[in-house]
Amino acid sequence: NECQSLPDCHFCTNTQGSFTCSCRRGHHLVNGNDCRDIDECELEEATLCQHICVNYVGNFTCGCNEGFKVAEDGHSCIDLDECALPNNCSQLCENTNGSYTCGCFAGFKFDQDGQCQHVDECSDWLHDCEGNEVCVNEPGGYSCVCAPGTNRHQGFCIPGTSHDFI
């Protein structure tokens, strides 16, 4: 029985004075008695994979570059929405093709660690308060209020606490 001495033959049929060997799907016959894996990634089939072909014993699978995932067809790659997943954005996230970008709300800016920090428009002189107005820093912005000893009258801060109109 010649089949007993052929460990690399997947399907051996003993015949009168000889044998026939055949292989499982994804393998090919070498030297008439040795089944070897076919690297499908080196064949035309690999062109079905849009990004990456991964060979394994008996078959292959497709993979995708970072920022993408394999589509339902098993070959194409579609953009992964990183904004729908946990990410490093502390306020705003915009999905891009294969990646994402972070943003900050109005009145905030990125610090050196890439996190959104409140902008102090008053300390940084990024306000338009005038004359007798005082800048008050607020989350996401600022407001202008009348300085102590002044009152708002017709849109302006006027010195004095009472207005006598005759």
N, C-alpha and C. Protein backbone atom coordinates (compact mmCIF):
# COMPACT_ATOMS: atom_id res chain seq x y z
N ASN A 1 0.86 -1.19 0.00
CA ASN A 1 0.00 0.00 0.00
C ASN A 1 0.89 1.24 0.00
N GLU A 2 1.04 1.83 -1.18
CA GLU A 2 1.91 2.99 -1.33
C GLU A 2 1.38 4.22 -0.59
N CYS A 3 0.09 4.29 -0.34
CA CYS A 3 -0.52 5.47 0.31
C CYS A 3 -0.04 5.65 1.75
N GLN A 4 0.37 4.58 2.41
CA GLN A 4 0.80 4.70 3.80
C GLN A 4 2.09 5.50 3.95
N SER A 5 2.86 5.61 2.92
CA SER A 5 4.15 6.33 3.00
C SER A 5 4.08 7.73 2.38
N LEU A 6 2.88 8.28 2.23
CA LEU A 6 2.71 9.61 1.60
C LEU A 6 1.99 10.56 2.57
N PRO A 7 2.69 11.09 3.56
CA PRO A 7 2.02 11.94 4.56
C PRO A 7 1.51 13.28 4.01
N ASP A 8 2.06 13.76 2.89
CA ASP A 8 1.64 15.06 2.36
C ASP A 8 0.62 14.94 1.23
N CYS A 9 0.12 13.75 1.00
CA CYS A 9 -0.94 13.55 0.01
C CYS A 9 -2.27 13.58 0.77
N HIS A 10 -3.16 14.50 0.40
CA HIS A 10 -4.42 14.64 1.13
C HIS A 10 -5.37 13.48 0.88
N PHE A 11 -5.53 13.11 -0.39
CA PHE A 11 -6.44 12.02 -0.76
C PHE A 11 -5.67 11.03 -1.64
N CYS A 12 -5.33 9.89 -1.06
CA CYS A 12 -4.55 8.89 -1.79
C CYS A 12 -5.45 7.68 -2.08
N THR A 13 -5.41 7.25 -3.32
CA THR A 13 -6.16 6.06 -3.72
C THR A 13 -5.14 5.01 -4.16
N ASN A 14 -5.17 3.90 -3.45
CA ASN A 14 -4.25 2.82 -3.76
C ASN A 14 -4.77 2.08 -5.00
N THR A 15 -3.89 1.88 -5.95
CA THR A 15 -4.24 1.13 -7.17
C THR A 15 -3.29 -0.06 -7.29
N GLN A 16 -3.56 -0.94 -8.24
CA GLN A 16 -2.72 -2.12 -8.45
C GLN A 16 -1.30 -1.69 -8.78
N GLY A 17 -0.39 -1.83 -7.83
CA GLY A 17 1.02 -1.53 -8.04
C GLY A 17 1.34 -0.04 -8.07
N SER A 18 0.38 0.81 -7.75
CA SER A 18 0.64 2.25 -7.79
C SER A 18 -0.36 2.99 -6.88
N PHE A 19 -0.55 4.27 -7.14
CA PHE A 19 -1.48 5.10 -6.36
C PHE A 19 -1.81 6.36 -7.17
N THR A 20 -2.86 7.04 -6.75
CA THR A 20 -3.15 8.39 -7.27
C THR A 20 -3.35 9.30 -6.07
N CYS A 21 -2.84 10.50 -6.23
CA CYS A 21 -2.91 11.47 -5.13
C CYS A 21 -3.68 12.70 -5.62
N SER A 22 -4.55 13.23 -4.77
CA SER A 22 -5.23 14.50 -5.07
C SER A 22 -5.22 15.36 -3.81
N CYS A 23 -5.47 16.65 -4.01
CA CYS A 23 -5.32 17.61 -2.91
C CYS A 23 -6.62 18.34 -2.60
N ARG A 24 -6.69 18.85 -1.39
CA ARG A 24 -7.82 19.69 -0.98
C ARG A 24 -7.81 21.00 -1.75
N ARG A 25 -8.96 21.68 -1.74
CA ARG A 25 -9.09 23.00 -2.36
C ARG A 25 -8.02 23.93 -1.77
N GLY A 26 -7.42 24.75 -2.61
CA GLY A 26 -6.40 25.69 -2.15
C GLY A 26 -5.00 25.11 -2.11
N HIS A 27 -4.86 23.87 -2.61
CA HIS A 27 -3.55 23.21 -2.66
C HIS A 27 -3.32 22.70 -4.08
N HIS A 28 -2.06 22.47 -4.42
CA HIS A 28 -1.74 21.88 -5.71
C HIS A 28 -0.76 20.73 -5.51
N LEU A 29 -0.76 19.83 -6.48
CA LEU A 29 0.05 18.61 -6.39
C LEU A 29 1.45 18.87 -6.96
N VAL A 30 2.47 18.51 -6.18
CA VAL A 30 3.86 18.65 -6.60
C VAL A 30 4.49 17.24 -6.62
N ASN A 31 5.19 16.94 -7.70
CA ASN A 31 5.88 15.64 -7.85
C ASN A 31 4.94 14.45 -7.75
N GLY A 32 3.68 14.65 -8.01
CA GLY A 32 2.72 13.54 -8.04
C GLY A 32 2.27 13.02 -6.69
N ASN A 33 2.89 13.48 -5.58
CA ASN A 33 2.50 12.92 -4.28
C ASN A 33 2.58 13.90 -3.12
N ASP A 34 2.78 15.17 -3.39
CA ASP A 34 2.98 16.15 -2.31
C ASP A 34 2.01 17.32 -2.51
N CYS A 35 1.10 17.52 -1.58
CA CYS A 35 0.14 18.63 -1.66
C CYS A 35 0.73 19.85 -0.97
N ARG A 36 0.80 20.95 -1.72
CA ARG A 36 1.36 22.20 -1.18
C ARG A 36 0.31 23.31 -1.29
N ASP A 37 0.35 24.21 -0.33
CA ASP A 37 -0.58 25.35 -0.31
C ASP A 37 -0.35 26.23 -1.53
N ILE A 38 -1.44 26.70 -2.12
CA ILE A 38 -1.37 27.68 -3.21
C ILE A 38 -1.42 29.06 -2.56
N ASP A 39 -0.47 29.91 -2.88
CA ASP A 39 -0.51 31.29 -2.38
C ASP A 39 -1.39 32.10 -3.33
N GLU A 40 -2.68 32.15 -2.98
CA GLU A 40 -3.65 32.84 -3.84
C GLU A 40 -3.32 34.32 -4.02
N CYS A 41 -2.58 34.88 -3.10
CA CYS A 41 -2.22 36.30 -3.19
C CYS A 41 -1.25 36.56 -4.34
N GLU A 42 -0.59 35.51 -4.84
CA GLU A 42 0.30 35.65 -5.98
C GLU A 42 -0.41 35.38 -7.30
N LEU A 43 -1.68 35.00 -7.21
CA LEU A 43 -2.45 34.69 -8.42
C LEU A 43 -3.35 35.85 -8.80
N GLU A 44 -4.00 35.71 -9.92
CA GLU A 44 -4.90 36.76 -10.41
C GLU A 44 -6.05 37.00 -9.43
N GLU A 45 -6.44 35.97 -8.65
CA GLU A 45 -7.51 36.12 -7.66
C GLU A 45 -7.23 37.25 -6.68
N ALA A 46 -5.95 37.50 -6.42
CA ALA A 46 -5.57 38.53 -5.44
C ALA A 46 -6.00 39.91 -5.90
N THR A 47 -6.18 40.11 -7.20
CA THR A 47 -6.60 41.42 -7.68
C THR A 47 -8.02 41.74 -7.24
N LEU A 48 -8.75 40.74 -6.75
CA LEU A 48 -10.08 40.99 -6.20
C LEU A 48 -10.00 41.84 -4.93
N CYS A 49 -8.89 41.73 -4.21
CA CYS A 49 -8.73 42.49 -2.97
C CYS A 49 -8.37 43.94 -3.30
N GLN A 50 -9.16 44.86 -2.79
CA GLN A 50 -8.92 46.27 -3.09
C GLN A 50 -7.63 46.78 -2.46
N HIS A 51 -7.33 46.37 -1.20
CA HIS A 51 -6.14 46.88 -0.51
C HIS A 51 -5.10 45.78 -0.25
N ILE A 52 -5.47 44.78 0.54
CA ILE A 52 -4.48 43.81 1.05
C ILE A 52 -5.00 42.38 0.85
N CYS A 53 -4.13 41.50 0.39
CA CYS A 53 -4.44 40.07 0.29
C CYS A 53 -3.64 39.34 1.37
N VAL A 54 -4.32 38.48 2.12
CA VAL A 54 -3.67 37.71 3.18
C VAL A 54 -3.85 36.22 2.87
N ASN A 55 -2.75 35.54 2.59
CA ASN A 55 -2.80 34.11 2.30
C ASN A 55 -2.80 33.33 3.61
N TYR A 56 -3.56 32.24 3.63
CA TYR A 56 -3.45 31.27 4.72
C TYR A 56 -3.64 29.89 4.10
N VAL A 57 -3.35 28.86 4.83
CA VAL A 57 -3.35 27.51 4.28
C VAL A 57 -4.73 27.18 3.70
N GLY A 58 -4.75 26.94 2.41
CA GLY A 58 -5.96 26.51 1.74
C GLY A 58 -6.82 27.62 1.17
N ASN A 59 -6.53 28.86 1.47
CA ASN A 59 -7.39 29.94 0.97
C ASN A 59 -6.71 31.28 1.17
N PHE A 60 -7.47 32.36 1.03
CA PHE A 60 -6.97 33.71 1.27
C PHE A 60 -8.13 34.57 1.76
N THR A 61 -7.80 35.70 2.30
CA THR A 61 -8.81 36.67 2.70
C THR A 61 -8.30 38.06 2.35
N CYS A 62 -9.22 38.99 2.25
CA CYS A 62 -8.85 40.37 1.94
C CYS A 62 -8.85 41.20 3.22
N GLY A 63 -7.96 42.15 3.27
CA GLY A 63 -7.89 43.09 4.38
C GLY A 63 -7.83 44.51 3.83
N CYS A 64 -7.88 45.46 4.73
CA CYS A 64 -7.90 46.87 4.32
C CYS A 64 -6.85 47.67 5.08
N ASN A 65 -6.45 48.77 4.48
CA ASN A 65 -5.52 49.69 5.13
C ASN A 65 -6.19 50.32 6.34
N GLU A 66 -5.38 50.93 7.20
CA GLU A 66 -5.90 51.60 8.39
C GLU A 66 -6.91 52.67 7.99
N GLY A 67 -8.01 52.74 8.74
CA GLY A 67 -9.06 53.71 8.45
C GLY A 67 -10.14 53.17 7.54
N PHE A 68 -10.02 51.90 7.13
CA PHE A 68 -11.01 51.27 6.26
C PHE A 68 -11.38 49.92 6.85
N LYS A 69 -12.51 49.37 6.39
CA LYS A 69 -12.91 48.03 6.79
C LYS A 69 -13.39 47.28 5.55
N VAL A 70 -13.35 45.95 5.62
CA VAL A 70 -13.76 45.12 4.50
C VAL A 70 -15.28 45.23 4.34
N ALA A 71 -15.71 45.46 3.10
CA ALA A 71 -17.13 45.57 2.79
C ALA A 71 -17.77 44.19 2.80
N GLU A 72 -19.10 44.15 2.70
CA GLU A 72 -19.83 42.89 2.74
C GLU A 72 -19.43 41.93 1.62
N ASP A 73 -18.93 42.46 0.50
CA ASP A 73 -18.53 41.57 -0.60
C ASP A 73 -17.24 40.82 -0.29
N GLY A 74 -16.58 41.16 0.82
CA GLY A 74 -15.36 40.47 1.24
C GLY A 74 -14.10 40.90 0.52
N HIS A 75 -14.21 41.80 -0.46
CA HIS A 75 -13.06 42.21 -1.27
C HIS A 75 -12.82 43.71 -1.25
N SER A 76 -13.90 44.47 -1.30
CA SER A 76 -13.78 45.93 -1.34
C SER A 76 -13.53 46.49 0.05
N CYS A 77 -13.00 47.71 0.09
CA CYS A 77 -12.75 48.40 1.35
C CYS A 77 -13.60 49.66 1.40
N ILE A 78 -14.24 49.89 2.54
CA ILE A 78 -15.04 51.10 2.72
C ILE A 78 -14.49 51.89 3.91
N ASP A 79 -14.70 53.18 3.86
CA ASP A 79 -14.21 54.06 4.91
C ASP A 79 -14.82 53.69 6.25
N LEU A 80 -14.00 53.69 7.27
CA LEU A 80 -14.43 53.46 8.64
C LEU A 80 -14.73 54.81 9.26
N ASP A 81 -15.90 54.97 9.87
CA ASP A 81 -16.26 56.24 10.50
C ASP A 81 -15.65 56.27 11.90
N GLU A 82 -14.43 56.79 12.00
CA GLU A 82 -13.73 56.85 13.28
C GLU A 82 -14.46 57.73 14.29
N CYS A 83 -15.27 58.67 13.81
CA CYS A 83 -16.00 59.56 14.72
C CYS A 83 -17.11 58.82 15.46
N ALA A 84 -17.56 57.69 14.92
CA ALA A 84 -18.58 56.88 15.58
C ALA A 84 -17.95 55.93 16.60
N LEU A 85 -16.62 55.88 16.63
CA LEU A 85 -15.88 55.02 17.55
C LEU A 85 -15.17 55.88 18.59
N PRO A 86 -14.72 55.30 19.69
CA PRO A 86 -13.91 56.09 20.63
C PRO A 86 -12.68 56.65 19.90
N ASN A 87 -12.43 57.94 20.10
CA ASN A 87 -11.30 58.59 19.43
C ASN A 87 -10.71 59.65 20.37
N ASN A 88 -9.71 60.37 19.90
CA ASN A 88 -9.00 61.35 20.73
C ASN A 88 -9.61 62.74 20.70
N CYS A 89 -10.70 62.94 19.97
CA CYS A 89 -11.29 64.28 19.87
C CYS A 89 -12.04 64.61 21.17
N SER A 90 -11.75 65.79 21.71
CA SER A 90 -12.41 66.18 22.96
C SER A 90 -13.71 66.94 22.71
N GLN A 91 -13.90 67.50 21.49
CA GLN A 91 -15.13 68.24 21.22
C GLN A 91 -15.75 67.86 19.88
N LEU A 92 -15.12 68.22 18.78
CA LEU A 92 -15.68 67.96 17.46
C LEU A 92 -14.85 66.93 16.71
N CYS A 93 -15.52 66.10 15.92
CA CYS A 93 -14.84 65.09 15.11
C CYS A 93 -15.42 65.14 13.71
N GLU A 94 -14.54 65.17 12.70
CA GLU A 94 -14.98 65.13 11.31
C GLU A 94 -14.34 63.92 10.64
N ASN A 95 -15.18 63.02 10.14
CA ASN A 95 -14.69 61.84 9.44
C ASN A 95 -14.14 62.25 8.08
N THR A 96 -12.97 61.72 7.73
CA THR A 96 -12.38 61.93 6.41
C THR A 96 -12.13 60.56 5.79
N ASN A 97 -11.79 60.51 4.53
CA ASN A 97 -11.57 59.24 3.85
C ASN A 97 -10.33 58.55 4.42
N GLY A 98 -10.53 57.51 5.21
CA GLY A 98 -9.44 56.75 5.80
C GLY A 98 -8.91 57.31 7.11
N SER A 99 -9.50 58.38 7.61
CA SER A 99 -9.02 58.98 8.86
C SER A 99 -10.10 59.87 9.46
N TYR A 100 -9.68 60.82 10.29
CA TYR A 100 -10.59 61.80 10.88
C TYR A 100 -9.77 62.99 11.36
N THR A 101 -10.45 64.11 11.57
CA THR A 101 -9.80 65.28 12.14
C THR A 101 -10.63 65.78 13.31
N CYS A 102 -9.96 66.35 14.29
CA CYS A 102 -10.63 66.90 15.46
C CYS A 102 -10.77 68.41 15.31
N GLY A 103 -11.76 68.95 15.96
CA GLY A 103 -11.97 70.39 15.97
C GLY A 103 -12.46 70.84 17.33
N CYS A 104 -12.50 72.15 17.52
CA CYS A 104 -12.94 72.73 18.79
C CYS A 104 -14.14 73.63 18.55
N PHE A 105 -15.00 73.74 19.57
CA PHE A 105 -16.13 74.67 19.52
C PHE A 105 -15.60 76.09 19.47
N ALA A 106 -16.47 77.04 19.06
CA ALA A 106 -16.11 78.46 19.07
C ALA A 106 -15.72 78.85 20.50
N GLY A 107 -14.68 79.65 20.62
CA GLY A 107 -14.21 80.06 21.94
C GLY A 107 -13.23 79.09 22.57
N PHE A 108 -12.85 78.05 21.83
CA PHE A 108 -11.88 77.06 22.30
C PHE A 108 -10.80 76.92 21.23
N LYS A 109 -9.62 76.47 21.64
CA LYS A 109 -8.53 76.21 20.70
C LYS A 109 -7.72 75.02 21.20
N PHE A 110 -6.94 74.43 20.29
CA PHE A 110 -6.11 73.29 20.67
C PHE A 110 -4.94 73.75 21.53
N ASP A 111 -4.66 72.96 22.59
CA ASP A 111 -3.44 73.20 23.36
C ASP A 111 -2.33 72.32 22.78
N GLN A 112 -1.15 72.31 23.40
CA GLN A 112 -0.03 71.55 22.85
C GLN A 112 -0.26 70.04 22.88
N ASP A 113 -1.22 69.57 23.69
CA ASP A 113 -1.54 68.15 23.74
C ASP A 113 -2.66 67.77 22.77
N GLY A 114 -3.13 68.74 21.98
CA GLY A 114 -4.19 68.46 21.02
C GLY A 114 -5.58 68.43 21.62
N GLN A 115 -5.72 68.90 22.84
CA GLN A 115 -7.03 68.96 23.49
C GLN A 115 -7.59 70.38 23.40
N CYS A 116 -8.91 70.49 23.38
CA CYS A 116 -9.55 71.80 23.27
C CYS A 116 -9.56 72.49 24.64
N GLN A 117 -9.01 73.68 24.67
CA GLN A 117 -8.97 74.48 25.89
C GLN A 117 -9.70 75.80 25.63
N HIS A 118 -10.37 76.28 26.66
CA HIS A 118 -11.11 77.53 26.56
C HIS A 118 -10.16 78.69 26.29
N VAL A 119 -10.55 79.56 25.36
CA VAL A 119 -9.79 80.77 25.05
C VAL A 119 -10.26 81.87 26.00
N ASP A 120 -9.33 82.53 26.66
CA ASP A 120 -9.67 83.67 27.52
C ASP A 120 -9.53 84.93 26.68
N GLU A 121 -10.65 85.30 26.02
CA GLU A 121 -10.64 86.46 25.13
C GLU A 121 -10.28 87.74 25.87
N CYS A 122 -10.61 87.81 27.16
CA CYS A 122 -10.33 89.03 27.93
C CYS A 122 -8.82 89.19 28.16
N SER A 123 -8.17 88.13 28.63
CA SER A 123 -6.73 88.20 28.90
C SER A 123 -5.92 88.31 27.61
N ASP A 124 -6.42 87.68 26.54
CA ASP A 124 -5.70 87.69 25.27
C ASP A 124 -6.05 88.89 24.39
N TRP A 125 -6.85 89.81 24.90
CA TRP A 125 -7.29 91.01 24.18
C TRP A 125 -7.95 90.66 22.85
N LEU A 126 -8.81 89.64 22.89
CA LEU A 126 -9.56 89.22 21.70
C LEU A 126 -11.02 89.66 21.81
N HIS A 127 -11.26 90.80 22.42
CA HIS A 127 -12.63 91.28 22.64
C HIS A 127 -12.79 92.67 22.04
N ASP A 128 -14.02 93.14 22.02
CA ASP A 128 -14.29 94.48 21.49
C ASP A 128 -14.99 95.37 22.51
N CYS A 129 -14.72 95.12 23.79
CA CYS A 129 -15.29 95.97 24.84
C CYS A 129 -14.66 97.36 24.75
N GLU A 130 -15.46 98.39 24.98
CA GLU A 130 -14.99 99.76 24.80
C GLU A 130 -15.12 100.57 26.09
N GLY A 131 -14.41 101.67 26.10
CA GLY A 131 -14.54 102.71 27.12
C GLY A 131 -14.76 102.22 28.53
N ASN A 132 -15.97 102.45 29.04
CA ASN A 132 -16.30 102.11 30.42
C ASN A 132 -16.80 100.67 30.58
N GLU A 133 -16.52 99.82 29.60
CA GLU A 133 -16.95 98.42 29.69
C GLU A 133 -15.80 97.55 30.20
N VAL A 134 -16.18 96.48 30.87
CA VAL A 134 -15.23 95.50 31.39
C VAL A 134 -15.52 94.16 30.70
N CYS A 135 -14.48 93.49 30.26
CA CYS A 135 -14.61 92.18 29.61
C CYS A 135 -14.78 91.11 30.69
N VAL A 136 -15.79 90.26 30.53
CA VAL A 136 -16.03 89.14 31.45
C VAL A 136 -15.90 87.85 30.63
N ASN A 137 -14.92 87.02 30.99
CA ASN A 137 -14.70 85.76 30.29
C ASN A 137 -15.81 84.78 30.63
N GLU A 138 -16.32 84.07 29.62
CA GLU A 138 -17.38 83.08 29.81
C GLU A 138 -17.03 81.83 29.01
N PRO A 139 -17.59 80.69 29.37
CA PRO A 139 -17.32 79.47 28.59
C PRO A 139 -17.71 79.67 27.12
N GLY A 140 -16.76 79.52 26.24
CA GLY A 140 -17.02 79.65 24.81
C GLY A 140 -17.09 81.07 24.30
N GLY A 141 -16.81 82.06 25.13
CA GLY A 141 -16.88 83.44 24.66
C GLY A 141 -16.62 84.44 25.77
N TYR A 142 -17.23 85.62 25.64
CA TYR A 142 -17.06 86.69 26.62
C TYR A 142 -18.26 87.62 26.51
N SER A 143 -18.38 88.51 27.49
CA SER A 143 -19.40 89.57 27.41
C SER A 143 -18.78 90.85 27.93
N CYS A 144 -19.36 91.97 27.53
CA CYS A 144 -18.91 93.29 27.97
C CYS A 144 -19.97 93.83 28.93
N VAL A 145 -19.56 94.16 30.14
CA VAL A 145 -20.48 94.73 31.14
C VAL A 145 -19.96 96.10 31.55
N CYS A 146 -20.86 96.90 32.07
CA CYS A 146 -20.46 98.24 32.51
C CYS A 146 -19.55 98.14 33.73
N ALA A 147 -18.50 98.96 33.71
CA ALA A 147 -17.56 99.01 34.83
C ALA A 147 -18.27 99.54 36.07
N PRO A 148 -17.77 99.22 37.27
CA PRO A 148 -18.37 99.76 38.50
C PRO A 148 -18.45 101.28 38.43
N GLY A 149 -19.58 101.81 38.87
CA GLY A 149 -19.79 103.26 38.86
C GLY A 149 -20.37 103.76 37.55
N THR A 150 -20.70 102.86 36.64
CA THR A 150 -21.33 103.26 35.37
C THR A 150 -22.59 102.45 35.15
N ASN A 151 -23.49 102.99 34.34
CA ASN A 151 -24.73 102.30 33.98
C ASN A 151 -24.89 102.34 32.47
N ARG A 152 -25.53 101.30 31.93
CA ARG A 152 -25.77 101.25 30.49
C ARG A 152 -26.96 102.15 30.16
N HIS A 153 -26.76 103.03 29.20
CA HIS A 153 -27.82 103.92 28.74
C HIS A 153 -27.68 104.06 27.23
N GLN A 154 -28.72 103.64 26.50
CA GLN A 154 -28.73 103.69 25.04
C GLN A 154 -27.50 103.00 24.44
N GLY A 155 -27.14 101.85 25.03
CA GLY A 155 -26.04 101.04 24.51
C GLY A 155 -24.66 101.44 24.97
N PHE A 156 -24.56 102.50 25.80
CA PHE A 156 -23.25 102.95 26.28
C PHE A 156 -23.22 102.92 27.80
N CYS A 157 -22.01 102.75 28.37
CA CYS A 157 -21.84 102.80 29.82
C CYS A 157 -21.50 104.24 30.20
N ILE A 158 -22.41 104.87 30.97
CA ILE A 158 -22.29 106.27 31.34
C ILE A 158 -21.92 106.36 32.81
N PRO A 159 -20.91 107.19 33.18
CA PRO A 159 -20.55 107.35 34.60
C PRO A 159 -21.73 107.91 35.39
N GLY A 160 -21.82 107.54 36.65
CA GLY A 160 -22.89 108.00 37.54
C GLY A 160 -23.92 106.90 37.74
N THR A 161 -24.62 106.98 38.87
CA THR A 161 -25.58 105.93 39.20
C THR A 161 -27.01 106.35 38.95
N SER A 162 -27.28 107.64 38.74
CA SER A 162 -28.66 108.05 38.47
C SER A 162 -28.67 109.00 37.30
N HIS A 163 -29.77 109.04 36.62
CA HIS A 163 -29.92 109.91 35.47
C HIS A 163 -31.12 110.82 35.73
N ASP A 164 -30.85 112.09 35.82
CA ASP A 164 -31.94 113.06 36.01
C ASP A 164 -32.24 113.67 34.66
N PHE A 165 -33.40 113.41 34.19
CA PHE A 165 -33.81 113.98 32.90
C PHE A 165 -34.94 114.96 33.15
N ILE A 166 -34.78 116.18 32.67
CA ILE A 166 -35.79 117.22 32.88
C ILE A 166 -36.56 117.43 31.61
